[in-house]
Amino acid sequence: HLVSTDSGIIHTRYRLLNASKAFRDTGELPPSVDDPTLFAVR
């Protein structure tokens, strides 16, 4: 039973889910697979 303070978790779930489904359905991979500089965040 989720509430508004769970919105970050909800968003993260769908980011992971959508990336998994996109690879399954079309073979598309997230940009960070091939671009190591995208990990350079804080």
Full PDB file with SEQRES, HELIX, SHEET, SSBOND, CRYST1, ORIGX, SCALE, CONECT and MASTER records, all heavy atoms in Angstrom:
SEQRES   1 A   42  HIS LEU VAL SER THR ASP SER GLY ILE ILE HIS THR ARG          
SEQRES   2 A   42  TYR ARG LEU LEU ASN ALA SER LYS ALA PHE ARG ASP THR          
SEQRES   3 A   42  GLY GLU LEU PRO PRO SER VAL ASP ASP PRO THR LEU PHE          
SEQRES   4 A   42  ALA VAL ARG                                                  
HELIX    1 AA1 SER A    4  ASP A    6  5                                   3    
HELIX    2 AA2 SER A    7  THR A   26  1                                  20    
HELIX    3 AA3 PRO A   31  VAL A   33  5                                   3    
HELIX    4 AA4 PRO A   36  PHE A   39  5                                   4    
CRYST1    1.000    1.000    1.000  90.00  90.00  90.00 P 1           1          
ORIGX1      1.000000  0.000000  0.000000        0.00000                         
ORIGX2      0.000000  1.000000  0.000000        0.00000                         
ORIGX3      0.000000  0.000000  1.000000        0.00000                         
SCALE1      1.000000  0.000000  0.000000        0.00000                         
SCALE2      0.000000  1.000000  0.000000        0.00000                         
SCALE3      0.000000  0.000000  1.000000        0.00000                         
ATOM      1  N   HIS A   1       0.876  -1.175   0.000  1.00  0.00           N  
ATOM      2  CA  HIS A   1       0.000   0.000   0.000  1.00  0.00           C  
ATOM      3  C   HIS A   1       0.915   1.227   0.000  1.00  0.00           C  
ATOM      4  O   HIS A   1       1.311   1.724   1.056  1.00  0.00           O  
ATOM      5  CB  HIS A   1      -0.927   0.004   1.215  1.00  0.00           C  
ATOM      6  CG  HIS A   1      -1.872  -1.153   1.242  1.00  0.00           C  
ATOM      7  ND1 HIS A   1      -1.512  -2.416   1.673  1.00  0.00           N  
ATOM      8  CD2 HIS A   1      -3.169  -1.248   0.857  1.00  0.00           C  
ATOM      9  CE1 HIS A   1      -2.551  -3.229   1.572  1.00  0.00           C  
ATOM     10  NE2 HIS A   1      -3.570  -2.546   1.079  1.00  0.00           N  
ATOM     11  N   LEU A   2       1.264   1.713  -1.167  1.00  0.00           N  
ATOM     12  CA  LEU A   2       2.270   2.755  -1.300  1.00  0.00           C  
ATOM     13  C   LEU A   2       1.662   4.142  -1.116  1.00  0.00           C  
ATOM     14  O   LEU A   2       0.471   4.356  -1.354  1.00  0.00           O  
ATOM     15  CB  LEU A   2       2.946   2.654  -2.663  1.00  0.00           C  
ATOM     16  CG  LEU A   2       3.636   1.311  -2.955  1.00  0.00           C  
ATOM     17  CD1 LEU A   2       4.249   1.322  -4.346  1.00  0.00           C  
ATOM     18  CD2 LEU A   2       4.693   0.985  -1.912  1.00  0.00           C  
ATOM     19  N   VAL A   3       2.531   5.092  -0.692  1.00  0.00           N  
ATOM     20  CA  VAL A   3       2.114   6.474  -0.465  1.00  0.00           C  
ATOM     21  C   VAL A   3       3.084   7.395  -1.205  1.00  0.00           C  
ATOM     22  O   VAL A   3       4.036   6.941  -1.845  1.00  0.00           O  
ATOM     23  CB  VAL A   3       2.077   6.803   1.046  1.00  0.00           C  
ATOM     24  CG1 VAL A   3       0.965   6.018   1.730  1.00  0.00           C  
ATOM     25  CG2 VAL A   3       3.426   6.497   1.707  1.00  0.00           C  
ATOM     26  N   SER A   4       2.868   8.713  -1.084  1.00  0.00           N  
ATOM     27  CA  SER A   4       3.650   9.661  -1.876  1.00  0.00           C  
ATOM     28  C   SER A   4       5.135   9.622  -1.534  1.00  0.00           C  
ATOM     29  O   SER A   4       5.984   9.895  -2.395  1.00  0.00           O  
ATOM     30  CB  SER A   4       3.106  11.075  -1.685  1.00  0.00           C  
ATOM     31  OG  SER A   4       3.164  11.458  -0.320  1.00  0.00           O  
ATOM     32  N   THR A   5       5.493   9.296  -0.292  1.00  0.00           N  
ATOM     33  CA  THR A   5       6.911   9.242   0.068  1.00  0.00           C  
ATOM     34  C   THR A   5       7.605   8.000  -0.490  1.00  0.00           C  
ATOM     35  O   THR A   5       8.815   7.839  -0.300  1.00  0.00           O  
ATOM     36  CB  THR A   5       7.086   9.284   1.600  1.00  0.00           C  
ATOM     37  OG1 THR A   5       6.203   8.334   2.213  1.00  0.00           O  
ATOM     38  CG2 THR A   5       6.790  10.672   2.142  1.00  0.00           C  
ATOM     39  N   ASP A   6       6.874   7.157  -1.172  1.00  0.00           N  
ATOM     40  CA  ASP A   6       7.470   6.023  -1.878  1.00  0.00           C  
ATOM     41  C   ASP A   6       7.737   6.335  -3.351  1.00  0.00           C  
ATOM     42  O   ASP A   6       8.106   5.441  -4.116  1.00  0.00           O  
ATOM     43  CB  ASP A   6       6.542   4.798  -1.796  1.00  0.00           C  
ATOM     44  CG  ASP A   6       6.344   4.308  -0.378  1.00  0.00           C  
ATOM     45  OD1 ASP A   6       7.344   4.130   0.326  1.00  0.00           O  
ATOM     46  OD2 ASP A   6       5.180   4.100   0.023  1.00  0.00           O  
ATOM     47  N   SER A   7       7.554   7.585  -3.754  1.00  0.00           N  
ATOM     48  CA  SER A   7       7.623   7.895  -5.180  1.00  0.00           C  
ATOM     49  C   SER A   7       9.011   7.658  -5.764  1.00  0.00           C  
ATOM     50  O   SER A   7       9.145   7.260  -6.923  1.00  0.00           O  
ATOM     51  CB  SER A   7       7.184   9.340  -5.431  1.00  0.00           C  
ATOM     52  OG  SER A   7       8.019  10.249  -4.736  1.00  0.00           O  
ATOM     53  N   GLY A   8      10.075   7.891  -4.998  1.00  0.00           N  
ATOM     54  CA  GLY A   8      11.414   7.611  -5.495  1.00  0.00           C  
ATOM     55  C   GLY A   8      11.624   6.132  -5.753  1.00  0.00           C  
ATOM     56  O   GLY A   8      12.255   5.734  -6.745  1.00  0.00           O  
ATOM     57  N   ILE A   9      11.094   5.312  -4.873  1.00  0.00           N  
ATOM     58  CA  ILE A   9      11.187   3.859  -5.046  1.00  0.00           C  
ATOM     59  C   ILE A   9      10.376   3.415  -6.261  1.00  0.00           C  
ATOM     60  O   ILE A   9      10.830   2.605  -7.079  1.00  0.00           O  
ATOM     61  CB  ILE A   9      10.701   3.146  -3.768  1.00  0.00           C  
ATOM     62  CG1 ILE A   9      11.715   3.360  -2.640  1.00  0.00           C  
ATOM     63  CG2 ILE A   9      10.467   1.661  -4.011  1.00  0.00           C  
ATOM     64  CD1 ILE A   9      11.259   2.879  -1.298  1.00  0.00           C  
ATOM     65  N   ILE A  10       9.168   3.951  -6.399  1.00  0.00           N  
ATOM     66  CA  ILE A  10       8.321   3.603  -7.549  1.00  0.00           C  
ATOM     67  C   ILE A  10       9.036   3.958  -8.845  1.00  0.00           C  
ATOM     68  O   ILE A  10       9.083   3.159  -9.792  1.00  0.00           O  
ATOM     69  CB  ILE A  10       6.968   4.328  -7.449  1.00  0.00           C  
ATOM     70  CG1 ILE A  10       6.184   3.832  -6.225  1.00  0.00           C  
ATOM     71  CG2 ILE A  10       6.160   4.130  -8.727  1.00  0.00           C  
ATOM     72  CD1 ILE A  10       4.977   4.700  -5.890  1.00  0.00           C  
ATOM     73  N   HIS A  11       9.616   5.146  -8.893  1.00  0.00           N  
ATOM     74  CA  HIS A  11      10.296   5.601 -10.095  1.00  0.00           C  
ATOM     75  C   HIS A  11      11.481   4.694 -10.426  1.00  0.00           C  
ATOM     76  O   HIS A  11      11.709   4.340 -11.591  1.00  0.00           O  
ATOM     77  CB  HIS A  11      10.770   7.040  -9.893  1.00  0.00           C  
ATOM     78  CG  HIS A  11      10.823   7.840 -11.152  1.00  0.00           C  
ATOM     79  ND1 HIS A  11       9.817   8.681 -11.548  1.00  0.00           N  
ATOM     80  CD2 HIS A  11      11.767   7.912 -12.118  1.00  0.00           C  
ATOM     81  CE1 HIS A  11      10.135   9.246 -12.687  1.00  0.00           C  
ATOM     82  NE2 HIS A  11      11.325   8.799 -13.065  1.00  0.00           N  
ATOM     83  N   THR A  12      12.229   4.320  -9.403  1.00  0.00           N  
ATOM     84  CA  THR A  12      13.389   3.457  -9.610  1.00  0.00           C  
ATOM     85  C   THR A  12      12.985   2.084 -10.111  1.00  0.00           C  
ATOM     86  O   THR A  12      13.625   1.518 -11.009  1.00  0.00           O  
ATOM     87  CB  THR A  12      14.195   3.341  -8.309  1.00  0.00           C  
ATOM     88  OG1 THR A  12      14.701   4.640  -7.956  1.00  0.00           O  
ATOM     89  CG2 THR A  12      15.338   2.360  -8.434  1.00  0.00           C  
ATOM     90  N   ARG A  13      11.922   1.537  -9.551  1.00  0.00           N  
ATOM     91  CA  ARG A  13      11.435   0.233 -10.014  1.00  0.00           C  
ATOM     92  C   ARG A  13      11.134   0.264 -11.514  1.00  0.00           C  
ATOM     93  O   ARG A  13      11.529  -0.640 -12.261  1.00  0.00           O  
ATOM     94  CB  ARG A  13      10.166  -0.157  -9.255  1.00  0.00           C  
ATOM     95  CG  ARG A  13      10.388  -0.545  -7.820  1.00  0.00           C  
ATOM     96  CD  ARG A  13       9.062  -0.857  -7.155  1.00  0.00           C  
ATOM     97  NE  ARG A  13       9.233  -1.124  -5.735  1.00  0.00           N  
ATOM     98  CZ  ARG A  13       8.233  -1.344  -4.891  1.00  0.00           C  
ATOM     99  NH1 ARG A  13       6.975  -1.310  -5.350  1.00  0.00           N  
ATOM    100  NH2 ARG A  13       8.477  -1.586  -3.612  1.00  0.00           N  
ATOM    101  N   TYR A  14      10.423   1.292 -11.933  1.00  0.00           N  
ATOM    102  CA  TYR A  14      10.026   1.343 -13.339  1.00  0.00           C  
ATOM    103  C   TYR A  14      11.209   1.652 -14.247  1.00  0.00           C  
ATOM    104  O   TYR A  14      11.226   1.221 -15.405  1.00  0.00           O  
ATOM    105  CB  TYR A  14       8.874   2.338 -13.530  1.00  0.00           C  
ATOM    106  CG  TYR A  14       7.558   1.715 -13.126  1.00  0.00           C  
ATOM    107  CD1 TYR A  14       6.964   2.017 -11.908  1.00  0.00           C  
ATOM    108  CD2 TYR A  14       6.938   0.771 -13.946  1.00  0.00           C  
ATOM    109  CE1 TYR A  14       5.779   1.410 -11.520  1.00  0.00           C  
ATOM    110  CE2 TYR A  14       5.751   0.171 -13.568  1.00  0.00           C  
ATOM    111  CZ  TYR A  14       5.176   0.489 -12.354  1.00  0.00           C  
ATOM    112  OH  TYR A  14       4.001  -0.126 -11.973  1.00  0.00           O  
ATOM    113  N   ARG A  15      12.201   2.363 -13.720  1.00  0.00           N  
ATOM    114  CA  ARG A  15      13.415   2.577 -14.529  1.00  0.00           C  
ATOM    115  C   ARG A  15      14.101   1.246 -14.796  1.00  0.00           C  
ATOM    116  O   ARG A  15      14.533   0.970 -15.923  1.00  0.00           O  
ATOM    117  CB  ARG A  15      14.357   3.525 -13.789  1.00  0.00           C  
ATOM    118  CG  ARG A  15      15.613   3.896 -14.599  1.00  0.00           C  
ATOM    119  CD  ARG A  15      15.265   4.831 -15.734  1.00  0.00           C  
ATOM    120  NE  ARG A  15      16.456   5.301 -16.431  1.00  0.00           N  
ATOM    121  CZ  ARG A  15      17.001   4.698 -17.492  1.00  0.00           C  
ATOM    122  NH1 ARG A  15      16.437   3.595 -17.983  1.00  0.00           N  
ATOM    123  NH2 ARG A  15      18.081   5.190 -18.057  1.00  0.00           N  
ATOM    124  N   LEU A  16      14.235   0.415 -13.772  1.00  0.00           N  
ATOM    125  CA  LEU A  16      14.853  -0.898 -13.938  1.00  0.00           C  
ATOM    126  C   LEU A  16      13.970  -1.811 -14.774  1.00  0.00           C  
ATOM    127  O   LEU A  16      14.454  -2.502 -15.698  1.00  0.00           O  
ATOM    128  CB  LEU A  16      15.121  -1.517 -12.565  1.00  0.00           C  
ATOM    129  CG  LEU A  16      15.726  -2.928 -12.545  1.00  0.00           C  
ATOM    130  CD1 LEU A  16      17.044  -2.983 -13.302  1.00  0.00           C  
ATOM    131  CD2 LEU A  16      15.918  -3.397 -11.108  1.00  0.00           C  
ATOM    132  N   LEU A  17      12.687  -1.819 -14.488  1.00  0.00           N  
ATOM    133  CA  LEU A  17      11.761  -2.653 -15.259  1.00  0.00           C  
ATOM    134  C   LEU A  17      11.754  -2.286 -16.734  1.00  0.00           C  
ATOM    135  O   LEU A  17      11.830  -3.166 -17.604  1.00  0.00           O  
ATOM    136  CB  LEU A  17      10.339  -2.503 -14.693  1.00  0.00           C  
ATOM    137  CG  LEU A  17       9.890  -3.485 -13.624  1.00  0.00           C  
ATOM    138  CD1 LEU A  17       8.552  -3.029 -13.046  1.00  0.00           C  
ATOM    139  CD2 LEU A  17       9.768  -4.889 -14.190  1.00  0.00           C  
ATOM    140  N   ASN A  18      11.659  -0.997 -17.021  1.00  0.00           N  
ATOM    141  CA  ASN A  18      11.597  -0.577 -18.417  1.00  0.00           C  
ATOM    142  C   ASN A  18      12.889  -0.887 -19.164  1.00  0.00           C  
ATOM    143  O   ASN A  18      12.863  -1.232 -20.350  1.00  0.00           O  
ATOM    144  CB  ASN A  18      11.273   0.918 -18.496  1.00  0.00           C  
ATOM    145  CG  ASN A  18       9.851   1.225 -18.061  1.00  0.00           C  
ATOM    146  OD1 ASN A  18       8.984   0.355 -18.093  1.00  0.00           O  
ATOM    147  ND2 ASN A  18       9.603   2.454 -17.632  1.00  0.00           N  
ATOM    148  N   ALA A  19      14.035  -0.768 -18.461  1.00  0.00           N  
ATOM    149  CA  ALA A  19      15.303  -1.116 -19.099  1.00  0.00           C  
ATOM    150  C   ALA A  19      15.355  -2.610 -19.401  1.00  0.00           C  
ATOM    151  O   ALA A  19      15.815  -3.028 -20.473  1.00  0.00           O  
ATOM    152  CB  ALA A  19      16.470  -0.712 -18.202  1.00  0.00           C  
ATOM    153  N   SER A  20      14.878  -3.437 -18.462  1.00  0.00           N  
ATOM    154  CA  SER A  20      14.865  -4.886 -18.680  1.00  0.00           C  
ATOM    155  C   SER A  20      13.933  -5.262 -19.823  1.00  0.00           C  
ATOM    156  O   SER A  20      14.264  -6.098 -20.675  1.00  0.00           O  
ATOM    157  CB  SER A  20      14.448  -5.604 -17.391  1.00  0.00           C  
ATOM    158  OG  SER A  20      15.373  -5.375 -16.348  1.00  0.00           O  
ATOM    159  N   LYS A  21      12.753  -4.651 -19.866  1.00  0.00           N  
ATOM    160  CA  LYS A  21      11.786  -4.958 -20.915  1.00  0.00           C  
ATOM    161  C   LYS A  21      12.276  -4.478 -22.281  1.00  0.00           C  
ATOM    162  O   LYS A  21      12.083  -5.156 -23.294  1.00  0.00           O  
ATOM    163  CB  LYS A  21      10.438  -4.324 -20.579  1.00  0.00           C  
ATOM    164  CG  LYS A  21       9.719  -4.975 -19.408  1.00  0.00           C  
ATOM    165  CD  LYS A  21       8.407  -4.255 -19.106  1.00  0.00           C  
ATOM    166  CE  LYS A  21       7.660  -4.917 -17.958  1.00  0.00           C  
ATOM    167  NZ  LYS A  21       6.391  -4.198 -17.641  1.00  0.00           N  
ATOM    168  N   ALA A  22      12.907  -3.304 -22.321  1.00  0.00           N  
ATOM    169  CA  ALA A  22      13.403  -2.793 -23.593  1.00  0.00           C  
ATOM    170  C   ALA A  22      14.464  -3.723 -24.168  1.00  0.00           C  
ATOM    171  O   ALA A  22      14.477  -4.004 -25.375  1.00  0.00           O  
ATOM    172  CB  ALA A  22      13.979  -1.387 -23.411  1.00  0.00           C  
ATOM    173  N   PHE A  23      15.346  -4.225 -23.308  1.00  0.00           N  
ATOM    174  CA  PHE A  23      16.360  -5.155 -23.805  1.00  0.00           C  
ATOM    175  C   PHE A  23      15.725  -6.468 -24.242  1.00  0.00           C  
ATOM    176  O   PHE A  23      16.070  -7.023 -25.290  1.00  0.00           O  
ATOM    177  CB  PHE A  23      17.417  -5.406 -22.729  1.00  0.00           C  
ATOM    178  CG  PHE A  23      18.458  -6.400 -23.155  1.00  0.00           C  
ATOM    179  CD1 PHE A  23      19.300  -6.127 -24.212  1.00  0.00           C  
ATOM    180  CD2 PHE A  23      18.570  -7.627 -22.519  1.00  0.00           C  
ATOM    181  CE1 PHE A  23      20.249  -7.046 -24.629  1.00  0.00           C  
ATOM    182  CE2 PHE A  23      19.505  -8.556 -22.928  1.00  0.00           C  
ATOM    183  CZ  PHE A  23      20.350  -8.259 -23.987  1.00  0.00           C  
ATOM    184  N   ARG A  24      14.762  -6.946 -23.472  1.00  0.00           N  
ATOM    185  CA  ARG A  24      14.077  -8.191 -23.835  1.00  0.00           C  
ATOM    186  C   ARG A  24      13.332  -8.061 -25.155  1.00  0.00           C  
ATOM    187  O   ARG A  24      13.408  -8.955 -26.008  1.00  0.00           O  
ATOM    188  CB  ARG A  24      13.082  -8.566 -22.730  1.00  0.00           C  
ATOM    189  CG  ARG A  24      12.261  -9.818 -23.011  1.00  0.00           C  
ATOM    190  CD  ARG A  24      11.046  -9.901 -22.089  1.00  0.00           C  
ATOM    191  NE  ARG A  24      10.106  -8.797 -22.340  1.00  0.00           N  
ATOM    192  CZ  ARG A  24       9.027  -8.556 -21.588  1.00  0.00           C  
ATOM    193  NH1 ARG A  24       8.766  -9.318 -20.546  1.00  0.00           N  
ATOM    194  NH2 ARG A  24       8.216  -7.550 -21.882  1.00  0.00           N  
ATOM    195  N   ASP A  25      12.652  -6.949 -25.346  1.00  0.00           N  
ATOM    196  CA  ASP A  25      11.748  -6.817 -26.495  1.00  0.00           C  
ATOM    197  C   ASP A  25      12.434  -6.301 -27.755  1.00  0.00           C  
ATOM    198  O   ASP A  25      12.052  -6.679 -28.868  1.00  0.00           O  
ATOM    199  CB  ASP A  25      10.596  -5.873 -26.126  1.00  0.00           C  
ATOM    200  CG  ASP A  25       9.733  -6.414 -24.987  1.00  0.00           C  
ATOM    201  OD1 ASP A  25       9.781  -7.631 -24.733  1.00  0.00           O  
ATOM    202  OD2 ASP A  25       9.041  -5.605 -24.340  1.00  0.00           O  
ATOM    203  N   THR A  26      13.417  -5.435 -27.597  1.00  0.00           N  
ATOM    204  CA  THR A  26      14.023  -4.808 -28.776  1.00  0.00           C  
ATOM    205  C   THR A  26      15.537  -4.934 -28.846  1.00  0.00           C  
ATOM    206  O   THR A  26      16.138  -4.552 -29.854  1.00  0.00           O  
ATOM    207  CB  THR A  26      13.665  -3.304 -28.819  1.00  0.00           C  
ATOM    208  OG1 THR A  26      14.337  -2.633 -27.744  1.00  0.00           O  
ATOM    209  CG2 THR A  26      12.159  -3.091 -28.701  1.00  0.00           C  
ATOM    210  N   GLY A  27      16.153  -5.412 -27.767  1.00  0.00           N  
ATOM    211  CA  GLY A  27      17.617  -5.471 -27.732  1.00  0.00           C  
ATOM    212  C   GLY A  27      18.265  -4.156 -27.372  1.00  0.00           C  
ATOM    213  O   GLY A  27      19.498  -4.055 -27.353  1.00  0.00           O  
ATOM    214  N   GLU A  28      17.469  -3.142 -27.042  1.00  0.00           N  
ATOM    215  CA  GLU A  28      18.022  -1.831 -26.686  1.00  0.00           C  
ATOM    216  C   GLU A  28      18.622  -1.884 -25.284  1.00  0.00           C  
ATOM    217  O   GLU A  28      18.003  -2.361 -24.337  1.00  0.00           O  
ATOM    218  CB  GLU A  28      16.933  -0.764 -26.727  1.00  0.00           C  
ATOM    219  CG  GLU A  28      17.413   0.621 -26.322  1.00  0.00           C  
ATOM    220  CD  GLU A  28      16.281   1.625 -26.201  1.00  0.00           C  
ATOM    221  OE1 GLU A  28      15.114   1.247 -26.431  1.00  0.00           O  
ATOM    222  OE2 GLU A  28      16.567   2.787 -25.860  1.00  0.00           O  
ATOM    223  N   LEU A  29      19.833  -1.348 -25.141  1.00  0.00           N  
ATOM    224  CA  LEU A  29      20.524  -1.296 -23.866  1.00  0.00           C  
ATOM    225  C   LEU A  29      20.625   0.145 -23.380  1.00  0.00           C  
ATOM    226  O   LEU A  29      20.684   1.081 -24.190  1.00  0.00           O  
ATOM    227  CB  LEU A  29      21.922  -1.889 -23.988  1.00  0.00           C  
ATOM    228  CG  LEU A  29      21.989  -3.417 -24.130  1.00  0.00           C  
ATOM    229  CD1 LEU A  29      23.376  -3.847 -24.591  1.00  0.00           C  
ATOM    230  CD2 LEU A  29      21.631  -4.095 -22.807  1.00  0.00           C  
ATOM    231  N   PRO A  30      20.675   0.371 -22.068  1.00  0.00           N  
ATOM    232  CA  PRO A  30      20.857   1.732 -21.555  1.00  0.00           C  
ATOM    233  C   PRO A  30      22.179   2.326 -22.034  1.00  0.00           C  
ATOM    234  O   PRO A  30      23.158   1.601 -22.254  1.00  0.00           O  
ATOM    235  CB  PRO A  30      20.854   1.534 -20.029  1.00  0.00           C  
ATOM    236  CG  PRO A  30      20.144   0.237 -19.806  1.00  0.00           C  
ATOM    237  CD  PRO A  30      20.486  -0.618 -20.979  1.00  0.00           C  
ATOM    238  N   PRO A  31      22.245   3.643 -22.190  1.00  0.00           N  
ATOM    239  CA  PRO A  31      23.478   4.282 -22.680  1.00  0.00           C  
ATOM    240  C   PRO A  31      24.698   3.992 -21.817  1.00  0.00           C  
ATOM    241  O   PRO A  31      25.828   3.979 -22.309  1.00  0.00           O  
ATOM    242  CB  PRO A  31      23.129   5.777 -22.664  1.00  0.00           C  
ATOM    243  CG  PRO A  31      21.641   5.838 -22.700  1.00  0.00           C  
ATOM    244  CD  PRO A  31      21.156   4.610 -21.994  1.00  0.00           C  
ATOM    245  N   SER A  32      24.493   3.764 -20.523  1.00  0.00           N  
ATOM    246  CA  SER A  32      25.627   3.589 -19.617  1.00  0.00           C  
ATOM    247  C   SER A  32      26.390   2.297 -19.855  1.00  0.00           C  
ATOM    248  O   SER A  32      27.522   2.155 -19.373  1.00  0.00           O  
ATOM    249  CB  SER A  32      25.148   3.635 -18.158  1.00  0.00           C  
ATOM    250  OG  SER A  32      24.124   2.684 -17.917  1.00  0.00           O  
ATOM    251  N   VAL A  33      25.820   1.329 -20.580  1.00  0.00           N  
ATOM    252  CA  VAL A  33      26.550   0.109 -20.887  1.00  0.00           C  
ATOM    253  C   VAL A  33      27.830   0.440 -21.656  1.00  0.00           C  
ATOM    254  O   VAL A  33      28.899  -0.140 -21.396  1.00  0.00           O  
ATOM    255  CB  VAL A  33      25.669  -0.873 -21.688  1.00  0.00           C  
ATOM    256  CG1 VAL A  33      26.515  -2.011 -22.271  1.00  0.00           C  
ATOM    257  CG2 VAL A  33      24.572  -1.442 -20.798  1.00  0.00           C  
ATOM    258  N   ASP A  34      27.749   1.371 -22.595  1.00  0.00           N  
ATOM    259  CA  ASP A  34      28.881   1.682 -23.459  1.00  0.00           C  
ATOM    260  C   ASP A  34      29.571   3.006 -23.135  1.00  0.00           C  
ATOM    261  O   ASP A  34      30.628   3.292 -23.698  1.00  0.00           O  
ATOM    262  CB  ASP A  34      28.429   1.709 -24.921  1.00  0.00           C  
ATOM    263  CG  ASP A  34      28.045   0.326 -25.421  1.00  0.00           C  
ATOM    264  OD1 ASP A  34      28.905  -0.575 -25.346  1.00  0.00           O  
ATOM    265  OD2 ASP A  34      26.898   0.145 -25.861  1.00  0.00           O  
ATOM    266  N   ASP A  35      28.992   3.795 -22.232  1.00  0.00           N  
ATOM    267  CA  ASP A  35      29.581   5.090 -21.901  1.00  0.00           C  
ATOM    268  C   ASP A  35      29.964   5.115 -20.427  1.00  0.00           C  
ATOM    269  O   ASP A  35      29.134   5.408 -19.559  1.00  0.00           O  
ATOM    270  CB  ASP A  35      28.594   6.212 -22.209  1.00  0.00           C  
ATOM    271  CG  ASP A  35      29.205   7.598 -22.022  1.00  0.00           C  
ATOM    272  OD1 ASP A  35      30.336   7.680 -21.503  1.00  0.00           O  
ATOM    273  OD2 ASP A  35      28.543   8.588 -22.385  1.00  0.00           O  
ATOM    274  N   PRO A  36      31.221   4.808 -20.109  1.00  0.00           N  
ATOM    275  CA  PRO A  36      31.621   4.736 -18.700  1.00  0.00           C  
ATOM    276  C   PRO A  36      31.548   6.073 -17.981  1.00  0.00           C  
ATOM    277  O   PRO A  36      31.437   6.117 -16.752  1.00  0.00           O  
ATOM    278  CB  PRO A  36      33.057   4.222 -18.765  1.00  0.00           C  
ATOM    279  CG  PRO A  36      33.550   4.618 -20.118  1.00  0.00           C  
ATOM    280  CD  PRO A  36      32.351   4.531 -21.014  1.00  0.00           C  
ATOM    281  N   THR A  37      31.591   7.200 -18.713  1.00  0.00           N  
ATOM    282  CA  THR A  37      31.573   8.508 -18.072  1.00  0.00           C  
ATOM    283  C   THR A  37      30.232   8.820 -17.422  1.00  0.00           C  
ATOM    284  O   THR A  37      30.154   9.696 -16.549  1.00  0.00           O  
ATOM    285  CB  THR A  37      31.922   9.615 -19.077  1.00  0.00           C  
ATOM    286  OG1 THR A  37      30.889   9.707 -20.068  1.00  0.00           O  
ATOM    287  CG2 THR A  37      33.251   9.335 -19.769  1.00  0.00           C  
ATOM    288  N   LEU A  38      29.177   8.123 -17.822  1.00  0.00           N  
ATOM    289  CA  LEU A  38      27.861   8.371 -17.227  1.00  0.00           C  
ATOM    290  C   LEU A  38      27.812   7.954 -15.757  1.00  0.00           C  
ATOM    291  O   LEU A  38      26.897   8.353 -15.029  1.00  0.00           O  
ATOM    292  CB  LEU A  38      26.778   7.639 -18.015  1.00  0.00           C  
ATOM    293  CG  LEU A  38      26.507   8.173 -19.427  1.00  0.00           C  
ATOM    294  CD1 LEU A  38      25.463   7.312 -20.137  1.00  0.00           C  
ATOM    295  CD2 LEU A  38      26.058   9.627 -19.382  1.00  0.00           C  
ATOM    296  N   PHE A  39      28.772   7.140 -15.317  1.00  0.00           N  
ATOM    297  CA  PHE A  39      28.824   6.721 -13.919  1.00  0.00           C  
ATOM    298  C   PHE A  39      29.481   7.772 -13.019  1.00  0.00           C  
ATOM    299  O   PHE A  39      29.481   7.611 -11.794  1.00  0.00           O  
ATOM    300  CB  PHE A  39      29.601   5.404 -13.790  1.00  0.00           C  
ATOM    301  CG  PHE A  39      28.912   4.226 -14.416  1.00  0.00           C  
ATOM    302  CD1 PHE A  39      29.075   3.937 -15.761  1.00  0.00           C  
ATOM    303  CD2 PHE A  39      28.092   3.400 -13.661  1.00  0.00           C  
ATOM    304  CE1 PHE A  39      28.444   2.839 -16.340  1.00  0.00           C  
ATOM    305  CE2 PHE A  39      27.454   2.313 -14.229  1.00  0.00           C  
ATOM    306  CZ  PHE A  39      27.628   2.034 -15.569  1.00  0.00           C  
ATOM    307  N   ALA A  40      30.048   8.807 -13.607  1.00  0.00           N  
ATOM    308  CA  ALA A  40      30.807   9.800 -12.848  1.00  0.00           C  
ATOM    309  C   ALA A  40      29.867  10.832 -12.237  1.00  0.00           C  
ATOM    310  O   ALA A  40      29.860  12.012 -12.616  1.00  0.00           O  
ATOM    311  CB  ALA A  40      31.850  10.469 -13.735  1.00  0.00           C  
ATOM    312  N   VAL A  41      29.056  10.385 -11.285  1.00  0.00           N  
ATOM    313  CA  VAL A  41      28.083  11.254 -10.624  1.00  0.00           C  
ATOM    314  C   VAL A  41      28.245  11.123  -9.111  1.00  0.00           C  
ATOM    315  O   VAL A  41      28.867  10.195  -8.610  1.00  0.00           O  
ATOM    316  CB  VAL A  41      26.640  10.902 -11.035  1.00  0.00           C  
ATOM    317  CG1 VAL A  41      26.429  11.145 -12.515  1.00  0.00           C  
ATOM    318  CG2 VAL A  41      26.287   9.465 -10.668  1.00  0.00           C  
ATOM    319  N   ARG A  42      27.660  12.081  -8.418  1.00  0.00           N  
ATOM    320  CA  ARG A  42      27.644  12.091  -6.957  1.00  0.00           C  
ATOM    321  C   ARG A  42      26.222  12.331  -6.468  1.00  0.00           C  
ATOM    322  O   ARG A  42      25.375  12.810  -7.202  1.00  0.00           O  
ATOM    323  CB  ARG A  42      28.531  13.211  -6.403  1.00  0.00           C  
ATOM    324  CG  ARG A  42      30.009  13.068  -6.653  1.00  0.00           C  
ATOM    325  CD  ARG A  42      30.742  14.313  -6.165  1.00  0.00           C  
ATOM    326  NE  ARG A  42      32.189  14.201  -6.326  1.00  0.00           N  
ATOM    327  CZ  ARG A  42      33.035  15.205  -6.156  1.00  0.00           C  
ATOM    328  NH1 ARG A  42      32.570  16.405  -5.815  1.00  0.00           N  
ATOM    329  NH2 ARG A  42      34.336  15.028  -6.308  1.00  0.00           N  
TER     330      ARG A  42                                                      
MASTER        0    0    0    4    0    0    0    6  329    1    0    4          
END                                                                             
